[in-house]
PDB file of N, CA and C in Angstrom:
ATOM      1  N   MET A   1     -32.628  23.345 -23.446  1.00  0.00           N
ATOM      2  CA  MET A   1     -31.758  24.554 -23.365  1.00  0.00           C
ATOM      3  C   MET A   1     -30.450  24.285 -22.797  1.00  0.00           C
ATOM      4  N   TYR A   2     -29.396  24.601 -23.500  1.00  0.00           N
ATOM      5  CA  TYR A   2     -28.064  24.262 -23.002  1.00  0.00           C
ATOM      6  C   TYR A   2     -27.483  25.742 -22.546  1.00  0.00           C
ATOM      7  N   HIS A   3     -26.940  25.735 -21.358  1.00  0.00           N
ATOM      8  CA  HIS A   3     -26.128  27.078 -20.897  1.00  0.00           C
ATOM      9  C   HIS A   3     -24.815  26.810 -20.571  1.00  0.00           C
ATOM     10  N   ASN A   4     -23.893  27.611 -20.944  1.00  0.00           N
ATOM     11  CA  ASN A   4     -22.495  27.476 -20.591  1.00  0.00           C
ATOM     12  C   ASN A   4     -22.333  28.070 -19.334  1.00  0.00           C
ATOM     13  N   LEU A   5     -22.487  27.140 -18.340  1.00  0.00           N
ATOM     14  CA  LEU A   5     -22.202  27.535 -16.978  1.00  0.00           C
ATOM     15  C   LEU A   5     -20.792  27.667 -16.349  1.00  0.00           C
ATOM     16  N   PRO A   6     -20.242  28.630 -15.825  1.00  0.00           N
ATOM     17  CA  PRO A   6     -18.860  28.714 -15.289  1.00  0.00           C
ATOM     18  C   PRO A   6     -18.609  27.424 -14.302  1.00  0.00           C
ATOM     19  N   THR A   7     -17.510  26.903 -14.610  1.00  0.00           N
ATOM     20  CA  THR A   7     -17.109  25.892 -13.738  1.00  0.00           C
ATOM     21  C   THR A   7     -16.345  26.314 -12.547  1.00  0.00           C
ATOM     22  N   LYS A   8     -16.285  25.702 -11.425  1.00  0.00           N
ATOM     23  CA  LYS A   8     -15.547  26.014 -10.432  1.00  0.00           C
ATOM     24  C   LYS A   8     -14.240  25.260 -10.421  1.00  0.00           C
ATOM     25  N   ARG A   9     -13.142  26.073 -10.544  1.00  0.00           N
ATOM     26  CA  ARG A   9     -11.738  25.463 -10.565  1.00  0.00           C
ATOM     27  C   ARG A   9     -10.849  26.213  -9.622  1.00  0.00           C
ATOM     28  N   ARG A  10     -10.288  25.296  -9.165  1.00  0.00           N
ATOM     29  CA  ARG A  10      -9.211  25.799  -8.159  1.00  0.00           C
ATOM     30  C   ARG A  10      -8.131  26.528  -8.781  1.00  0.00           C
ATOM     31  N   LEU A  11      -7.764  27.489  -8.395  1.00  0.00           N
ATOM     32  CA  LEU A  11      -6.680  28.397  -8.999  1.00  0.00           C
ATOM     33  C   LEU A  11      -5.478  27.817  -8.426  1.00  0.00           C
ATOM     34  N   LYS A  12      -4.731  27.251  -9.467  1.00  0.00           N
ATOM     35  CA  LYS A  12      -3.303  26.677  -9.039  1.00  0.00           C
ATOM     36  C   LYS A  12      -2.178  27.811  -9.071  1.00  0.00           C
ATOM     37  N   GLU A  13      -1.633  28.004  -7.916  1.00  0.00           N
ATOM     38  CA  GLU A  13      -0.684  28.779  -7.687  1.00  0.00           C
ATOM     39  C   GLU A  13       0.569  28.180  -7.183  1.00  0.00           C
ATOM     40  N   ASN A  14       1.609  28.692  -7.640  1.00  0.00           N
ATOM     41  CA  ASN A  14       2.962  28.167  -7.410  1.00  0.00           C
ATOM     42  C   ASN A  14       3.274  28.581  -5.843  1.00  0.00           C
ATOM     43  N   ILE A  15       3.692  27.740  -4.893  1.00  0.00           N
ATOM     44  CA  ILE A  15       3.874  27.930  -3.684  1.00  0.00           C
ATOM     45  C   ILE A  15       5.620  27.769  -3.468  1.00  0.00           C
ATOM     46  N   LYS A  16       6.022  28.776  -3.017  1.00  0.00           N
ATOM     47  CA  LYS A  16       7.537  28.548  -2.777  1.00  0.00           C
ATOM     48  C   LYS A  16       7.750  28.282  -1.191  1.00  0.00           C
ATOM     49  N   ILE A  17       8.673  27.373  -1.043  1.00  0.00           N
ATOM     50  CA  ILE A  17       8.985  27.052   0.326  1.00  0.00           C
ATOM     51  C   ILE A  17      10.488  26.981   0.219  1.00  0.00           C
ATOM     52  N   ASP A  18      11.000  27.789   1.374  1.00  0.00           N
ATOM     53  CA  ASP A  18      12.405  27.670   1.728  1.00  0.00           C
ATOM     54  C   ASP A  18      12.565  26.608   2.800  1.00  0.00           C
ATOM     55  N   VAL A  19      13.553  25.674   2.490  1.00  0.00           N
ATOM     56  CA  VAL A  19      13.900  24.710   3.438  1.00  0.00           C
ATOM     57  C   VAL A  19      15.328  24.792   3.733  1.00  0.00           C
ATOM     58  N   LYS A  20      15.868  24.878   4.795  1.00  0.00           N
ATOM     59  CA  LYS A  20      17.167  24.951   5.190  1.00  0.00           C
ATOM     60  C   LYS A  20      17.502  23.745   5.729  1.00  0.00           C
ATOM     61  N   LEU A  21      18.532  23.140   4.904  1.00  0.00           N
ATOM     62  CA  LEU A  21      19.209  21.820   5.535  1.00  0.00           C
ATOM     63  C   LEU A  21      20.569  21.683   5.978  1.00  0.00           C
ATOM     64  N   GLU A  22      20.693  20.916   6.926  1.00  0.00           N
ATOM     65  CA  GLU A  22      22.190  21.014   7.633  1.00  0.00           C
ATOM     66  C   GLU A  22      23.129  20.359   6.620  1.00  0.00           C
ATOM     67  N   ARG A  23      22.690  19.345   5.792  1.00  0.00           N
ATOM     68  CA  ARG A  23      23.696  18.664   4.963  1.00  0.00           C
ATOM     69  C   ARG A  23      23.019  18.945   3.420  1.00  0.00           C
ATOM     70  N   SER A  24      23.986  18.628   2.538  1.00  0.00           N
ATOM     71  CA  SER A  24      23.545  18.688   1.268  1.00  0.00           C
ATOM     72  C   SER A  24      22.976  17.347   0.814  1.00  0.00           C
ATOM     73  N   LEU A  25      21.958  17.414  -0.104  1.00  0.00           N
ATOM     74  CA  LEU A  25      21.369  16.235  -0.666  1.00  0.00           C
ATOM     75  C   LEU A  25      22.109  15.534  -1.519  1.00  0.00           C
ATOM     76  N   THR A  26      22.180  14.266  -1.362  1.00  0.00           N
ATOM     77  CA  THR A  26      22.789  13.290  -2.326  1.00  0.00           C
ATOM     78  C   THR A  26      21.697  12.714  -3.253  1.00  0.00           C
ATOM     79  N   LYS A  27      22.044  12.051  -4.147  1.00  0.00           N
ATOM     80  CA  LYS A  27      21.024  11.445  -4.900  1.00  0.00           C
ATOM     81  C   LYS A  27      20.233  10.373  -4.081  1.00  0.00           C
ATOM     82  N   TYR A  28      20.814   9.739  -3.091  1.00  0.00           N
ATOM     83  CA  TYR A  28      20.131   8.809  -2.359  1.00  0.00           C
ATOM     84  C   TYR A  28      19.138   9.561  -1.374  1.00  0.00           C
ATOM     85  N   SER A  29      19.598  10.459  -0.823  1.00  0.00           N
ATOM     86  CA  SER A  29      18.628  11.239   0.073  1.00  0.00           C
ATOM     87  C   SER A  29      17.478  11.807  -0.645  1.00  0.00           C
ATOM     88  N   CYS A  30      17.703  12.178  -1.961  1.00  0.00           N
ATOM     89  CA  CYS A  30      16.810  12.818  -2.596  1.00  0.00           C
ATOM     90  C   CYS A  30      15.868  11.704  -3.124  1.00  0.00           C
ATOM     91  N   LEU A  31      16.344  10.521  -3.428  1.00  0.00           N
ATOM     92  CA  LEU A  31      15.519   9.347  -3.750  1.00  0.00           C
ATOM     93  C   LEU A  31      14.568   9.059  -2.657  1.00  0.00           C
ATOM     94  N   ASN A  32      15.015   8.934  -1.365  1.00  0.00           N
ATOM     95  CA  ASN A  32      14.239   8.722  -0.264  1.00  0.00           C
ATOM     96  C   ASN A  32      13.218   9.629   0.129  1.00  0.00           C
ATOM     97  N   ILE A  33      13.545  10.956  -0.174  1.00  0.00           N
ATOM     98  CA  ILE A  33      12.480  12.036  -0.279  1.00  0.00           C
ATOM     99  C   ILE A  33      11.329  11.680  -1.174  1.00  0.00           C
ATOM    100  N   VAL A  34      11.788  11.499  -2.358  1.00  0.00           N
ATOM    101  CA  VAL A  34      10.775  11.294  -3.576  1.00  0.00           C
ATOM    102  C   VAL A  34       9.926  10.074  -3.084  1.00  0.00           C
ATOM    103  N   GLU A  35      10.516   8.928  -2.574  1.00  0.00           N
ATOM    104  CA  GLU A  35       9.962   7.687  -2.275  1.00  0.00           C
ATOM    105  C   GLU A  35       8.923   8.026  -1.135  1.00  0.00           C
ATOM    106  N   ASP A  36       9.290   8.707  -0.310  1.00  0.00           N
ATOM    107  CA  ASP A  36       8.165   8.948   1.030  1.00  0.00           C
ATOM    108  C   ASP A  36       7.167   9.790   0.444  1.00  0.00           C
ATOM    109  N   ILE A  37       7.604  10.741  -0.316  1.00  0.00           N
ATOM    110  CA  ILE A  37       6.458  11.647  -0.907  1.00  0.00           C
ATOM    111  C   ILE A  37       5.406  10.739  -1.820  1.00  0.00           C
ATOM    112  N   LEU A  38       6.021   9.946  -2.595  1.00  0.00           N
ATOM    113  CA  LEU A  38       5.113   9.156  -3.411  1.00  0.00           C
ATOM    114  C   LEU A  38       4.237   8.076  -2.706  1.00  0.00           C
ATOM    115  N   LYS A  39       4.807   7.473  -1.530  1.00  0.00           N
ATOM    116  CA  LYS A  39       4.138   6.669  -0.515  1.00  0.00           C
ATOM    117  C   LYS A  39       2.919   7.557   0.049  1.00  0.00           C
ATOM    118  N   TYR A  40       3.207   8.709   0.482  1.00  0.00           N
ATOM    119  CA  TYR A  40       2.181   9.545   1.083  1.00  0.00           C
ATOM    120  C   TYR A  40       1.015   9.918   0.019  1.00  0.00           C
ATOM    121  N   ILE A  41       1.532  10.181  -1.125  1.00  0.00           N
ATOM    122  CA  ILE A  41       0.358  10.511  -2.231  1.00  0.00           C
ATOM    123  C   ILE A  41      -0.406   9.526  -2.551  1.00  0.00           C
ATOM    124  N   LEU A  42       0.219   8.312  -2.726  1.00  0.00           N
ATOM    125  CA  LEU A  42      -0.694   6.817  -2.999  1.00  0.00           C
ATOM    126  C   LEU A  42      -1.627   6.685  -1.882  1.00  0.00           C
ATOM    127  N   TYR A  43      -1.277   7.048  -0.601  1.00  0.00           N
ATOM    128  CA  TYR A  43      -2.309   6.757   0.353  1.00  0.00           C
ATOM    129  C   TYR A  43      -3.217   7.929   0.462  1.00  0.00           C
ATOM    130  N   GLN A  44      -2.936   9.144   0.560  1.00  0.00           N
ATOM    131  CA  GLN A  44      -3.868  10.260   0.560  1.00  0.00           C
ATOM    132  C   GLN A  44      -4.728  10.339  -0.599  1.00  0.00           C
ATOM    133  N   ARG A  45      -4.416   9.970  -1.783  1.00  0.00           N
ATOM    134  CA  ARG A  45      -5.251   9.696  -2.902  1.00  0.00           C
ATOM    135  C   ARG A  45      -6.029   8.379  -2.972  1.00  0.00           C
ATOM    136  N   GLN A  46      -5.927   7.802  -1.988  1.00  0.00           N
ATOM    137  CA  GLN A  46      -6.580   6.415  -1.867  1.00  0.00           C
ATOM    138  C   GLN A  46      -6.356   5.578  -2.904  1.00  0.00           C
ATOM    139  N   GLN A  47      -4.985   5.396  -3.386  1.00  0.00           N
ATOM    140  CA  GLN A  47      -4.763   4.470  -4.511  1.00  0.00           C
ATOM    141  C   GLN A  47      -4.180   3.273  -3.776  1.00  0.00           C
ATOM    142  N   ILE A  48      -3.914   3.262  -2.379  1.00  0.00           N
ATOM    143  CA  ILE A  48      -3.634   2.148  -1.518  1.00  0.00           C
ATOM    144  C   ILE A  48      -4.523   2.296  -0.101  1.00  0.00           C
ATOM    145  N   PRO A  49      -5.157   1.196   0.210  1.00  0.00           N
ATOM    146  CA  PRO A  49      -6.131   1.171   1.340  1.00  0.00           C
ATOM    147  C   PRO A  49      -5.431   1.671   2.723  1.00  0.00           C
ATOM    148  N   VAL A  50      -4.114   1.301   2.797  1.00  0.00           N
ATOM    149  CA  VAL A  50      -3.592   1.669   4.158  1.00  0.00           C
ATOM    150  C   VAL A  50      -2.080   2.162   3.828  1.00  0.00           C
ATOM    151  N   GLN A  51      -1.566   2.744   4.716  1.00  0.00           N
ATOM    152  CA  GLN A  51      -0.182   3.333   4.527  1.00  0.00           C
ATOM    153  C   GLN A  51       0.835   2.241   3.947  1.00  0.00           C
ATOM    154  N   TYR A  52       1.766   2.586   3.225  1.00  0.00           N
ATOM    155  CA  TYR A  52       2.774   1.694   2.511  1.00  0.00           C
ATOM    156  C   TYR A  52       3.355   0.585   3.684  1.00  0.00           C
ATOM    157  N   GLU A  53       3.740   1.234   4.704  1.00  0.00           N
ATOM    158  CA  GLU A  53       4.655   0.496   5.720  1.00  0.00           C
ATOM    159  C   GLU A  53       3.639  -0.754   6.324  1.00  0.00           C
ATOM    160  N   VAL A  54       2.552  -0.346   6.440  1.00  0.00           N
ATOM    161  CA  VAL A  54       1.370  -1.356   6.833  1.00  0.00           C
ATOM    162  C   VAL A  54       1.118  -2.453   5.921  1.00  0.00           C
ATOM    163  N   LEU A  55       1.044  -2.257   4.760  1.00  0.00           N
ATOM    164  CA  LEU A  55       1.143  -3.038   3.744  1.00  0.00           C
ATOM    165  C   LEU A  55       2.358  -4.139   3.791  1.00  0.00           C
ATOM    166  N   VAL A  56       3.364  -3.466   3.827  1.00  0.00           N
ATOM    167  CA  VAL A  56       4.580  -4.259   4.007  1.00  0.00           C
ATOM    168  C   VAL A  56       4.608  -5.175   5.318  1.00  0.00           C
ATOM    169  N   ARG A  57       4.295  -4.643   6.393  1.00  0.00           N
ATOM    170  CA  ARG A  57       3.990  -5.259   7.538  1.00  0.00           C
ATOM    171  C   ARG A  57       2.999  -6.497   7.460  1.00  0.00           C
ATOM    172  N   GLU A  58       1.820  -6.093   6.860  1.00  0.00           N
ATOM    173  CA  GLU A  58       0.879  -7.218   6.595  1.00  0.00           C
ATOM    174  C   GLU A  58       1.463  -8.434   5.888  1.00  0.00           C
ATOM    175  N   VAL A  59       2.087  -8.187   4.830  1.00  0.00           N
ATOM    176  CA  VAL A  59       2.762  -9.190   4.009  1.00  0.00           C
ATOM    177  C   VAL A  59       3.746  -9.928   4.802  1.00  0.00           C
ATOM    178  N   GLU A  60       4.548  -9.521   5.666  1.00  0.00           N
ATOM    179  CA  GLU A  60       5.606  -9.963   6.453  1.00  0.00           C
ATOM    180  C   GLU A  60       5.056 -10.791   7.402  1.00  0.00           C
ATOM    181  N   ASN A  61       3.761 -10.196   8.067  1.00  0.00           N
ATOM    182  CA  ASN A  61       3.182 -11.071   9.007  1.00  0.00           C
ATOM    183  C   ASN A  61       2.557 -12.367   8.466  1.00  0.00           C
ATOM    184  N   ALA A  62       2.016 -12.250   7.327  1.00  0.00           N
ATOM    185  CA  ALA A  62       1.292 -13.387   6.503  1.00  0.00           C
ATOM    186  C   ALA A  62       2.306 -14.500   6.363  1.00  0.00           C
ATOM    187  N   GLN A  63       3.425 -13.916   5.882  1.00  0.00           N
ATOM    188  CA  GLN A  63       4.421 -14.947   5.580  1.00  0.00           C
ATOM    189  C   GLN A  63       4.981 -15.765   6.770  1.00  0.00           C
ATOM    190  N   HIS A  64       4.972 -15.024   7.951  1.00  0.00           N
ATOM    191  CA  HIS A  64       5.364 -15.732   9.125  1.00  0.00           C
ATOM    192  C   HIS A  64       4.261 -16.540   9.719  1.00  0.00           C
ATOM    193  N   GLU A  65       2.909 -16.261   9.495  1.00  0.00           N
ATOM    194  CA  GLU A  65       1.933 -16.947  10.040  1.00  0.00           C
ATOM    195  C   GLU A  65       1.597 -18.145   9.190  1.00  0.00           C
ATOM    196  N   ASP A  66       1.880 -18.198   7.727  1.00  0.00           N
ATOM    197  CA  ASP A  66       1.673 -19.233   7.055  1.00  0.00           C
ATOM    198  C   ASP A  66       2.717 -20.377   7.496  1.00  0.00           C
ATOM    199  N   SER A  67       3.985 -20.019   7.833  1.00  0.00           N
ATOM    200  CA  SER A  67       4.998 -21.038   8.211  1.00  0.00           C
ATOM    201  C   SER A  67       4.721 -21.584   9.579  1.00  0.00           C
ATOM    202  N   SER A  68       4.154 -20.762  10.561  1.00  0.00           N
ATOM    203  CA  SER A  68       3.985 -21.258  11.944  1.00  0.00           C
ATOM    204  C   SER A  68       2.579 -21.713  12.129  1.00  0.00           C
ATOM    205  N   HIS A  69       1.536 -21.237  11.593  1.00  0.00           N
ATOM    206  CA  HIS A  69       0.171 -21.881  11.797  1.00  0.00           C
ATOM    207  C   HIS A  69      -0.355 -22.898  10.795  1.00  0.00           C
ATOM    208  N   GLN A  70       0.357 -23.296  10.019  1.00  0.00           N
ATOM    209  CA  GLN A  70      -0.096 -24.357   8.853  1.00  0.00           C
ATOM    210  C   GLN A  70      -0.600 -25.536   9.672  1.00  0.00           C
ATOM    211  N   HIS A  71       0.357 -26.154  10.413  1.00  0.00           N
ATOM    212  CA  HIS A  71       0.001 -27.408  11.200  1.00  0.00           C
ATOM    213  C   HIS A  71      -1.199 -27.212  12.133  1.00  0.00           C
ATOM    214  N   GLU A  72      -1.244 -26.116  12.777  1.00  0.00           N
ATOM    215  CA  GLU A  72      -2.209 -26.066  13.758  1.00  0.00           C
ATOM    216  C   GLU A  72      -3.686 -25.863  13.166  1.00  0.00           C
ATOM    217  N   SER A  73      -3.793 -25.279  12.032  1.00  0.00           N
ATOM    218  CA  SER A  73      -5.198 -25.297  11.581  1.00  0.00           C
ATOM    219  C   SER A  73      -5.677 -26.523  11.014  1.00  0.00           C
ATOM    220  N   ASP A  74      -4.840 -27.546  10.654  1.00  0.00           N
ATOM    221  CA  ASP A  74      -5.144 -28.862  10.221  1.00  0.00           C
ATOM    222  C   ASP A  74      -5.714 -29.687  11.365  1.00  0.00           C
ATOM    223  N   LYS A  75      -5.405 -29.436  12.507  1.00  0.00           N
ATOM    224  CA  LYS A  75      -5.988 -30.111  13.821  1.00  0.00           C
ATOM    225  C   LYS A  75      -7.354 -29.607  14.158  1.00  0.00           C
ATOM    226  N   GLN A  76      -7.711 -28.665  13.829  1.00  0.00           N
ATOM    227  CA  GLN A  76      -9.086 -28.034  14.250  1.00  0.00           C
ATOM    228  C   GLN A  76     -10.339 -28.557  13.520  1.00  0.00           C
ATOM    229  N   VAL A  77     -11.376 -28.978  14.091  1.00  0.00           N
ATOM    230  CA  VAL A  77     -12.479 -29.437  13.327  1.00  0.00           C
ATOM    231  C   VAL A  77     -13.635 -28.446  13.326  1.00  0.00           C
ATOM    232  N   TYR A  78     -14.133 -28.144  11.997  1.00  0.00           N
ATOM    233  CA  TYR A  78     -15.242 -27.244  11.967  1.00  0.00           C
ATOM    234  C   TYR A  78     -16.656 -27.842  11.144  1.00  0.00           C
ATOM    235  N   SER A  79     -17.498 -27.302  11.398  1.00  0.00           N
ATOM    236  CA  SER A  79     -18.879 -27.738  10.633  1.00  0.00           C
ATOM    237  C   SER A  79     -18.495 -27.342   9.134  1.00  0.00           C
ATOM    238  N   ARG A  80     -19.354 -27.850   8.290  1.00  0.00           N
ATOM    239  CA  ARG A  80     -19.045 -27.727   6.817  1.00  0.00           C
ATOM    240  C   ARG A  80     -19.234 -26.202   6.415  1.00  0.00           C
ATOM    241  N   LYS A  81     -20.323 -25.648   6.977  1.00  0.00           N
ATOM    242  CA  LYS A  81     -20.514 -24.142   6.839  1.00  0.00           C
ATOM    243  C   LYS A  81     -19.327 -23.411   7.370  1.00  0.00           C
ATOM    244  N   GLU A  82     -18.896 -23.576   8.560  1.00  0.00           N
ATOM    245  CA  GLU A  82     -17.696 -22.864   8.986  1.00  0.00           C
ATOM    246  C   GLU A  82     -16.466 -23.146   8.167  1.00  0.00           C
ATOM    247  N   GLU A  83     -16.457 -24.394   7.837  1.00  0.00           N
ATOM    248  CA  GLU A  83     -15.110 -24.661   7.009  1.00  0.00           C
ATOM    249  C   GLU A  83     -14.997 -23.943   5.679  1.00  0.00           C
ATOM    250  N   SER A  84     -16.214 -24.048   5.074  1.00  0.00           N
ATOM    251  CA  SER A  84     -16.353 -23.310   3.724  1.00  0.00           C
ATOM    252  C   SER A  84     -16.228 -21.703   4.006  1.00  0.00           C
ATOM    253  N   THR A  85     -16.731 -21.072   4.868  1.00  0.00           N
ATOM    254  CA  THR A  85     -16.597 -19.693   5.150  1.00  0.00           C
ATOM    255  C   THR A  85     -15.151 -19.352   5.389  1.00  0.00           C
ATOM    256  N   LYS A  86     -14.479 -20.307   6.170  1.00  0.00           N
ATOM    257  CA  LYS A  86     -12.854 -19.999   6.462  1.00  0.00           C
ATOM    258  C   LYS A  86     -12.190 -20.147   5.262  1.00  0.00           C
ATOM    259  N   GLN A  87     -12.615 -21.134   4.480  1.00  0.00           N
ATOM    260  CA  GLN A  87     -11.928 -21.244   3.083  1.00  0.00           C
ATOM    261  C   GLN A  87     -12.148 -19.997   2.132  1.00  0.00           C
ATOM    262  N   LYS A  88     -13.245 -19.491   2.148  1.00  0.00           N
ATOM    263  CA  LYS A  88     -13.573 -18.350   1.484  1.00  0.00           C
ATOM    264  C   LYS A  88     -12.667 -17.224   1.853  1.00  0.00           C
ATOM    265  N   LEU A  89     -12.781 -17.012   3.090  1.00  0.00           N
ATOM    266  CA  LEU A  89     -11.984 -15.788   3.664  1.00  0.00           C
ATOM    267  C   LEU A  89     -10.348 -16.061   3.418  1.00  0.00           C
ATOM    268  N   ARG A  90     -10.051 -17.374   3.658  1.00  0.00           N
ATOM    269  CA  ARG A  90      -8.472 -17.656   3.390  1.00  0.00           C
ATOM    270  C   ARG A  90      -8.133 -17.293   1.999  1.00  0.00           C
ATOM    271  N   ARG A  91      -9.039 -17.758   0.982  1.00  0.00           N
ATOM    272  CA  ARG A  91      -8.722 -17.425  -0.524  1.00  0.00           C
ATOM    273  C   ARG A  91      -8.899 -15.870  -0.759  1.00  0.00           C
ATOM    274  N   LYS A  92      -9.720 -15.109  -0.121  1.00  0.00           N
ATOM    275  CA  LYS A  92      -9.873 -13.774  -0.245  1.00  0.00           C
ATOM    276  C   LYS A  92      -8.647 -13.012   0.267  1.00  0.00           C
ATOM    277  N   ARG A  93      -8.221 -13.546   1.406  1.00  0.00           N
ATOM    278  CA  ARG A  93      -6.980 -12.881   2.020  1.00  0.00           C
ATOM    279  C   ARG A  93      -5.771 -13.223   1.163  1.00  0.00           C
ATOM    280  N   GLU A  94      -5.598 -14.543   0.659  1.00  0.00           N
ATOM    281  CA  GLU A  94      -4.497 -14.998  -0.290  1.00  0.00           C
ATOM    282  C   GLU A  94      -4.580 -14.051  -1.636  1.00  0.00           C
ATOM    283  N   ARG A  95      -5.645 -13.807  -2.070  1.00  0.00           N
ATOM    284  CA  ARG A  95      -5.663 -12.870  -3.420  1.00  0.00           C
ATOM    285  C   ARG A  95      -5.206 -11.458  -2.999  1.00  0.00           C
ATOM    286  N   TRP A  96      -5.833 -10.962  -1.814  1.00  0.00           N
ATOM    287  CA  TRP A  96      -5.458  -9.614  -1.437  1.00  0.00           C
ATOM    288  C   TRP A  96      -3.884  -9.570  -1.135  1.00  0.00           C
ATOM    289  N   LEU A  97      -3.247 -10.514  -0.565  1.00  0.00           N
ATOM    290  CA  LEU A  97      -1.884 -10.515  -0.276  1.00  0.00           C
ATOM    291  C   LEU A  97      -1.014 -10.773  -1.411  1.00  0.00           C
ATOM    292  N   THR A  98      -1.621 -11.453  -2.447  1.00  0.00           N
ATOM    293  CA  THR A  98      -0.820 -11.629  -3.806  1.00  0.00           C
ATOM    294  C   THR A  98      -0.829 -10.261  -4.403  1.00  0.00           C
ATOM    295  N   LYS A  99      -1.914  -9.434  -4.454  1.00  0.00           N
ATOM    296  CA  LYS A  99      -1.826  -8.090  -5.179  1.00  0.00           C
ATOM    297  C   LYS A  99      -1.105  -7.305  -4.331  1.00  0.00           C
ATOM    298  N   VAL A 100      -1.065  -7.121  -3.023  1.00  0.00           N
ATOM    299  CA  VAL A 100      -0.068  -6.323  -2.183  1.00  0.00           C
ATOM    300  C   VAL A 100       1.151  -6.780  -2.412  1.00  0.00           C
ATOM    301  N   THR A 101       1.630  -7.852  -2.434  1.00  0.00           N
ATOM    302  CA  THR A 101       2.977  -8.424  -2.585  1.00  0.00           C
ATOM    303  C   THR A 101       3.469  -8.000  -3.942  1.00  0.00           C
ATOM    304  N   LYS A 102       2.701  -8.206  -4.890  1.00  0.00           N
ATOM    305  CA  LYS A 102       3.051  -7.666  -6.279  1.00  0.00           C
ATOM    306  C   LYS A 102       3.232  -6.081  -6.403  1.00  0.00           C
ATOM    307  N   PHE A 103       2.148  -5.417  -5.771  1.00  0.00           N
ATOM    308  CA  PHE A 103       2.463  -3.838  -5.688  1.00  0.00           C
ATOM    309  C   PHE A 103       3.690  -3.565  -5.044  1.00  0.00           C
ATOM    310  N   ILE A 104       4.025  -4.261  -3.907  1.00  0.00           N
ATOM    311  CA  ILE A 104       5.332  -3.800  -3.157  1.00  0.00           C
ATOM    312  C   ILE A 104       6.523  -4.179  -4.055  1.00  0.00           C
ATOM    313  N   GLU A 105       6.439  -5.348  -4.618  1.00  0.00           N
ATOM    314  CA  GLU A 105       7.471  -5.594  -5.605  1.00  0.00           C
ATOM    315  C   GLU A 105       7.783  -4.680  -6.781  1.00  0.00           C
ATOM    316  N   ASN A 106       6.755  -3.942  -7.297  1.00  0.00           N
ATOM    317  CA  ASN A 106       6.647  -3.102  -8.509  1.00  0.00           C
ATOM    318  C   ASN A 106       7.293  -1.860  -7.752  1.00  0.00           C
ATOM    319  N   PHE A 107       6.696  -1.501  -6.623  1.00  0.00           N
ATOM    320  CA  PHE A 107       7.177   0.024  -6.333  1.00  0.00           C
ATOM    321  C   PHE A 107       8.610  -0.191  -5.913  1.00  0.00           C
ATOM    322  N   LYS A 108       9.057  -1.237  -5.357  1.00  0.00           N
ATOM    323  CA  LYS A 108      10.558  -1.431  -4.914  1.00  0.00           C
ATOM    324  C   LYS A 108      11.309  -1.262  -6.330  1.00  0.00           C
ATOM    325  N   SER A 109      10.849  -2.034  -7.378  1.00  0.00           N
ATOM    326  CA  SER A 109      11.783  -1.950  -8.620  1.00  0.00           C
ATOM    327  C   SER A 109      11.615  -0.631  -9.344  1.00  0.00           C
ATOM    328  N   VAL A 110      10.581   0.098  -9.176  1.00  0.00           N
ATOM    329  CA  VAL A 110      10.585   1.474  -9.733  1.00  0.00           C
ATOM    330  C   VAL A 110      11.473   2.448  -8.884  1.00  0.00           C
ATOM    331  N   MET A 111      11.455   2.335  -7.603  1.00  0.00           N
ATOM    332  CA  MET A 111      12.325   3.053  -6.786  1.00  0.00           C
ATOM    333  C   MET A 111      13.803   2.855  -6.666  1.00  0.00           C
ATOM    334  N   GLN A 112      14.309   1.752  -7.491  1.00  0.00           N
ATOM    335  CA  GLN A 112      15.722   1.349  -7.591  1.00  0.00           C
ATOM    336  C   GLN A 112      16.532   2.412  -8.458  1.00  0.00           C
ATOM    337  N   VAL A 113      17.538   2.474  -7.917  1.00  0.00           N
ATOM    338  CA  VAL A 113      18.540   3.614  -8.488  1.00  0.00           C
ATOM    339  C   VAL A 113      19.244   2.922  -9.843  1.00  0.00           C
TER     340      VAL A 113
END
């Protein structure tokens, strides 16, 4: 037997917020506000795992580490199992960094004026 049960829905009300600004908004300042709000929403709605700035920092750090630690890792000797595990982790991190880099590039291209 099927019954039409009332569903719980949030009542959506318009909220008016008055904000007094010292300066008038330019199209660039509006763009910055929209960009920051979008970054916030992406993080809050779990579309990105960490805040946008953290993603950017991770990519920058990874690029810096790749150039400085490449020769250092060649000198270290590991067992086969350790080496295999390190390679898997390295590949997983590289895939993640590739996705993050692509996301950042796409986000920046969308936000261009």
